Amino acid sequence: MRVVDDPVQVKQAQADTKRFKELARLPSSAEENIITGNFYEILNEIPGDLSILGMPESYEQVLKVIETANHSIVFIKDSGLESALA
């Protein structure tokens, strides 16, 4: 799932997600959901027990995500030393 602020961004987000699926060799059955809206509002509505999110840029954003979500969160960050897509 990917959240964009502006409906104009949906087409680009779909293309980016499709390219990511191909490079990461995800199965074609993997769902692609592009949602327009406020990330924090949508985060609170996500069904399920776990979300894996990219590491926010600031500690305050980490706290906001933790306070907003009603499920477990795992934050990930690329070290920049290797590429899973290579």
N, C-alpha and C. Protein backbone atom coordinates (compact mmCIF):
# COMPACT_ATOMS: atom_id res chain seq x y z
N MET A 1 0.84 -1.16 0.00
CA MET A 1 0.00 0.00 0.00
C MET A 1 0.89 1.24 0.00
N ARG A 2 0.44 2.22 -0.72
CA ARG A 2 1.17 3.49 -0.77
C ARG A 2 0.15 4.61 -0.65
N VAL A 3 0.49 5.64 0.10
CA VAL A 3 -0.40 6.77 0.30
C VAL A 3 0.20 7.99 -0.38
N VAL A 4 -0.61 8.68 -1.17
CA VAL A 4 -0.19 9.92 -1.81
C VAL A 4 -1.15 11.03 -1.37
N ASP A 5 -0.63 12.24 -1.30
CA ASP A 5 -1.43 13.38 -0.86
C ASP A 5 -2.38 13.90 -1.93
N ASP A 6 -1.96 13.80 -3.18
CA ASP A 6 -2.67 14.44 -4.28
C ASP A 6 -3.06 13.40 -5.33
N PRO A 7 -4.31 13.41 -5.80
CA PRO A 7 -4.74 12.46 -6.83
C PRO A 7 -3.87 12.49 -8.09
N VAL A 8 -3.23 13.63 -8.35
CA VAL A 8 -2.36 13.75 -9.52
C VAL A 8 -1.16 12.80 -9.40
N GLN A 9 -0.78 12.44 -8.18
CA GLN A 9 0.37 11.57 -7.94
C GLN A 9 0.08 10.08 -8.11
N VAL A 10 -1.19 9.71 -8.25
CA VAL A 10 -1.57 8.30 -8.30
C VAL A 10 -0.92 7.57 -9.47
N LYS A 11 -0.96 8.13 -10.65
CA LYS A 11 -0.42 7.47 -11.84
C LYS A 11 1.08 7.18 -11.67
N GLN A 12 1.83 8.16 -11.18
CA GLN A 12 3.27 7.95 -10.97
C GLN A 12 3.51 6.91 -9.87
N ALA A 13 2.71 6.95 -8.82
CA ALA A 13 2.85 5.98 -7.73
C ALA A 13 2.57 4.56 -8.23
N GLN A 14 1.60 4.40 -9.12
CA GLN A 14 1.31 3.09 -9.69
C GLN A 14 2.49 2.60 -10.52
N ALA A 15 3.08 3.47 -11.33
CA ALA A 15 4.24 3.09 -12.14
C ALA A 15 5.43 2.73 -11.26
N ASP A 16 5.67 3.52 -10.21
CA ASP A 16 6.77 3.24 -9.29
C ASP A 16 6.57 1.90 -8.58
N THR A 17 5.36 1.65 -8.15
CA THR A 17 5.06 0.39 -7.44
C THR A 17 5.21 -0.80 -8.37
N LYS A 18 4.76 -0.67 -9.61
CA LYS A 18 4.91 -1.75 -10.58
C LYS A 18 6.40 -2.05 -10.83
N ARG A 19 7.19 -1.00 -11.00
CA ARG A 19 8.63 -1.18 -11.21
C ARG A 19 9.28 -1.83 -10.00
N PHE A 20 8.91 -1.41 -8.80
CA PHE A 20 9.45 -2.00 -7.59
C PHE A 20 9.12 -3.49 -7.52
N LYS A 21 7.88 -3.85 -7.83
CA LYS A 21 7.48 -5.27 -7.80
C LYS A 21 8.34 -6.09 -8.75
N GLU A 22 8.61 -5.55 -9.93
CA GLU A 22 9.42 -6.27 -10.91
C GLU A 22 10.86 -6.41 -10.43
N LEU A 23 11.46 -5.32 -9.95
CA LEU A 23 12.84 -5.35 -9.50
C LEU A 23 13.04 -6.22 -8.26
N ALA A 24 12.05 -6.20 -7.36
CA ALA A 24 12.15 -6.97 -6.13
C ALA A 24 11.68 -8.42 -6.33
N ARG A 25 11.23 -8.71 -7.56
CA ARG A 25 10.76 -10.06 -7.91
C ARG A 25 9.61 -10.53 -7.02
N LEU A 26 8.71 -9.60 -6.73
CA LEU A 26 7.52 -9.94 -5.98
C LEU A 26 6.56 -10.68 -6.90
N PRO A 27 5.76 -11.57 -6.37
CA PRO A 27 4.82 -12.29 -7.23
C PRO A 27 3.80 -11.35 -7.86
N SER A 28 3.35 -11.71 -9.05
CA SER A 28 2.37 -10.87 -9.74
C SER A 28 1.07 -10.77 -8.95
N SER A 29 0.84 -11.71 -8.06
CA SER A 29 -0.38 -11.68 -7.25
C SER A 29 -0.30 -10.69 -6.08
N ALA A 30 0.89 -10.12 -5.84
CA ALA A 30 1.05 -9.13 -4.77
C ALA A 30 0.17 -7.92 -5.07
N GLU A 31 -0.62 -7.53 -4.10
CA GLU A 31 -1.56 -6.43 -4.30
C GLU A 31 -0.86 -5.08 -4.32
N GLU A 32 -1.38 -4.19 -5.15
CA GLU A 32 -0.91 -2.81 -5.22
C GLU A 32 -2.08 -1.91 -4.86
N ASN A 33 -1.96 -1.21 -3.76
CA ASN A 33 -3.01 -0.30 -3.34
C ASN A 33 -2.43 1.10 -3.22
N ILE A 34 -2.91 2.00 -4.06
CA ILE A 34 -2.52 3.40 -4.00
C ILE A 34 -3.72 4.16 -3.45
N ILE A 35 -3.52 4.80 -2.32
CA ILE A 35 -4.62 5.51 -1.65
C ILE A 35 -4.29 6.99 -1.58
N THR A 36 -5.28 7.82 -1.87
CA THR A 36 -5.11 9.26 -1.77
C THR A 36 -5.67 9.73 -0.44
N GLY A 37 -4.87 10.49 0.29
CA GLY A 37 -5.36 11.02 1.55
C GLY A 37 -4.22 11.34 2.51
N ASN A 38 -4.59 11.52 3.76
CA ASN A 38 -3.64 11.84 4.81
C ASN A 38 -3.03 10.54 5.36
N PHE A 39 -1.72 10.43 5.30
CA PHE A 39 -1.02 9.20 5.72
C PHE A 39 -1.41 8.77 7.13
N TYR A 40 -1.44 9.70 8.05
CA TYR A 40 -1.70 9.35 9.45
C TYR A 40 -3.13 8.88 9.66
N GLU A 41 -4.09 9.48 8.96
CA GLU A 41 -5.48 9.03 9.07
C GLU A 41 -5.63 7.63 8.49
N ILE A 42 -4.99 7.39 7.37
CA ILE A 42 -5.09 6.07 6.73
C ILE A 42 -4.36 5.02 7.55
N LEU A 43 -3.22 5.38 8.14
CA LEU A 43 -2.47 4.45 8.98
C LEU A 43 -3.33 3.91 10.10
N ASN A 44 -4.16 4.75 10.65
CA ASN A 44 -5.04 4.34 11.75
C ASN A 44 -6.14 3.39 11.29
N GLU A 45 -6.45 3.38 10.01
CA GLU A 45 -7.55 2.57 9.48
C GLU A 45 -7.08 1.26 8.84
N ILE A 46 -5.76 1.05 8.74
CA ILE A 46 -5.23 -0.13 8.06
C ILE A 46 -5.62 -1.39 8.84
N PRO A 47 -6.25 -2.35 8.16
CA PRO A 47 -6.54 -3.61 8.84
C PRO A 47 -5.27 -4.45 8.95
N GLY A 48 -5.19 -5.25 9.96
CA GLY A 48 -4.04 -6.14 10.11
C GLY A 48 -3.32 -5.92 11.42
N ASP A 49 -2.30 -6.74 11.63
CA ASP A 49 -1.57 -6.71 12.89
C ASP A 49 -0.21 -6.04 12.79
N LEU A 50 0.31 -5.86 11.56
CA LEU A 50 1.68 -5.38 11.41
C LEU A 50 1.82 -4.54 10.15
N SER A 51 2.53 -3.41 10.28
CA SER A 51 2.91 -2.60 9.12
C SER A 51 4.42 -2.47 9.12
N ILE A 52 5.02 -2.58 7.94
CA ILE A 52 6.45 -2.38 7.77
C ILE A 52 6.61 -1.07 7.01
N LEU A 53 7.24 -0.10 7.65
CA LEU A 53 7.34 1.24 7.08
C LEU A 53 8.79 1.68 6.98
N GLY A 54 9.06 2.51 6.00
CA GLY A 54 10.37 3.14 5.92
C GLY A 54 10.56 4.05 7.12
N MET A 55 11.80 4.17 7.55
CA MET A 55 12.11 4.98 8.74
C MET A 55 11.83 6.45 8.46
N PRO A 56 11.00 7.08 9.30
CA PRO A 56 10.75 8.52 9.14
C PRO A 56 12.04 9.32 9.32
N GLU A 57 12.01 10.54 8.81
CA GLU A 57 13.20 11.39 8.86
C GLU A 57 13.49 11.95 10.24
N SER A 58 12.47 12.10 11.07
CA SER A 58 12.70 12.68 12.40
C SER A 58 12.12 11.79 13.49
N TYR A 59 12.66 11.96 14.68
CA TYR A 59 12.18 11.21 15.83
C TYR A 59 10.72 11.57 16.13
N GLU A 60 10.36 12.82 15.92
CA GLU A 60 8.99 13.25 16.16
C GLU A 60 8.02 12.51 15.25
N GLN A 61 8.43 12.27 13.99
CA GLN A 61 7.58 11.52 13.06
C GLN A 61 7.45 10.07 13.50
N VAL A 62 8.52 9.49 14.04
CA VAL A 62 8.45 8.12 14.57
C VAL A 62 7.41 8.06 15.67
N LEU A 63 7.47 9.00 16.60
CA LEU A 63 6.51 9.02 17.70
C LEU A 63 5.08 9.20 17.20
N LYS A 64 4.90 10.07 16.21
CA LYS A 64 3.55 10.30 15.67
C LYS A 64 2.99 9.03 15.04
N VAL A 65 3.84 8.29 14.30
CA VAL A 65 3.40 7.03 13.70
C VAL A 65 3.00 6.04 14.79
N ILE A 66 3.83 5.90 15.81
CA ILE A 66 3.56 4.96 16.89
C ILE A 66 2.27 5.32 17.61
N GLU A 67 2.06 6.60 17.85
CA GLU A 67 0.85 7.05 18.54
C GLU A 67 -0.40 6.90 17.68
N THR A 68 -0.24 6.99 16.37
CA THR A 68 -1.38 6.95 15.45
C THR A 68 -1.85 5.53 15.15
N ALA A 69 -0.91 4.64 14.94
CA ALA A 69 -1.24 3.28 14.50
C ALA A 69 -1.90 2.49 15.63
N ASN A 70 -2.84 1.66 15.24
CA ASN A 70 -3.50 0.79 16.22
C ASN A 70 -3.03 -0.66 16.06
N HIS A 71 -1.82 -0.82 15.56
CA HIS A 71 -1.23 -2.13 15.36
C HIS A 71 0.29 -2.01 15.46
N SER A 72 0.99 -3.13 15.36
CA SER A 72 2.45 -3.12 15.48
C SER A 72 3.09 -2.50 14.24
N ILE A 73 4.23 -1.83 14.46
CA ILE A 73 4.97 -1.17 13.38
C ILE A 73 6.42 -1.65 13.43
N VAL A 74 6.97 -1.96 12.27
CA VAL A 74 8.40 -2.24 12.14
C VAL A 74 8.94 -1.17 11.20
N PHE A 75 9.95 -0.44 11.65
CA PHE A 75 10.59 0.57 10.81
C PHE A 75 11.84 -0.04 10.18
N ILE A 76 12.04 0.24 8.89
CA ILE A 76 13.22 -0.25 8.19
C ILE A 76 13.96 0.92 7.56
N LYS A 77 15.26 0.75 7.40
CA LYS A 77 16.07 1.79 6.74
C LYS A 77 17.19 1.10 5.99
N ASP A 78 17.43 1.55 4.80
CA ASP A 78 18.50 1.01 3.97
C ASP A 78 19.83 1.57 4.45
N SER A 79 20.83 0.71 4.56
CA SER A 79 22.15 1.17 4.99
C SER A 79 22.86 1.94 3.89
N GLY A 80 22.43 1.73 2.65
CA GLY A 80 23.07 2.37 1.52
C GLY A 80 24.28 1.61 1.03
N LEU A 81 24.64 0.53 1.70
CA LEU A 81 25.83 -0.25 1.33
C LEU A 81 25.52 -1.33 0.30
N GLU A 82 24.28 -1.83 0.31
CA GLU A 82 23.89 -2.87 -0.63
C GLU A 82 22.49 -2.56 -1.14
N SER A 83 22.14 -3.17 -2.25
CA SER A 83 20.81 -2.98 -2.81
C SER A 83 20.10 -4.32 -2.94
N ALA A 84 18.93 -4.41 -2.37
CA ALA A 84 18.13 -5.61 -2.50
C ALA A 84 17.64 -5.78 -3.93
N LEU A 85 17.67 -4.71 -4.70
CA LEU A 85 17.17 -4.74 -6.07
C LEU A 85 18.27 -5.03 -7.06
N ALA A 86 19.53 -5.12 -6.63
CA ALA A 86 20.65 -5.36 -7.56
C ALA A 86 20.72 -6.80 -7.99
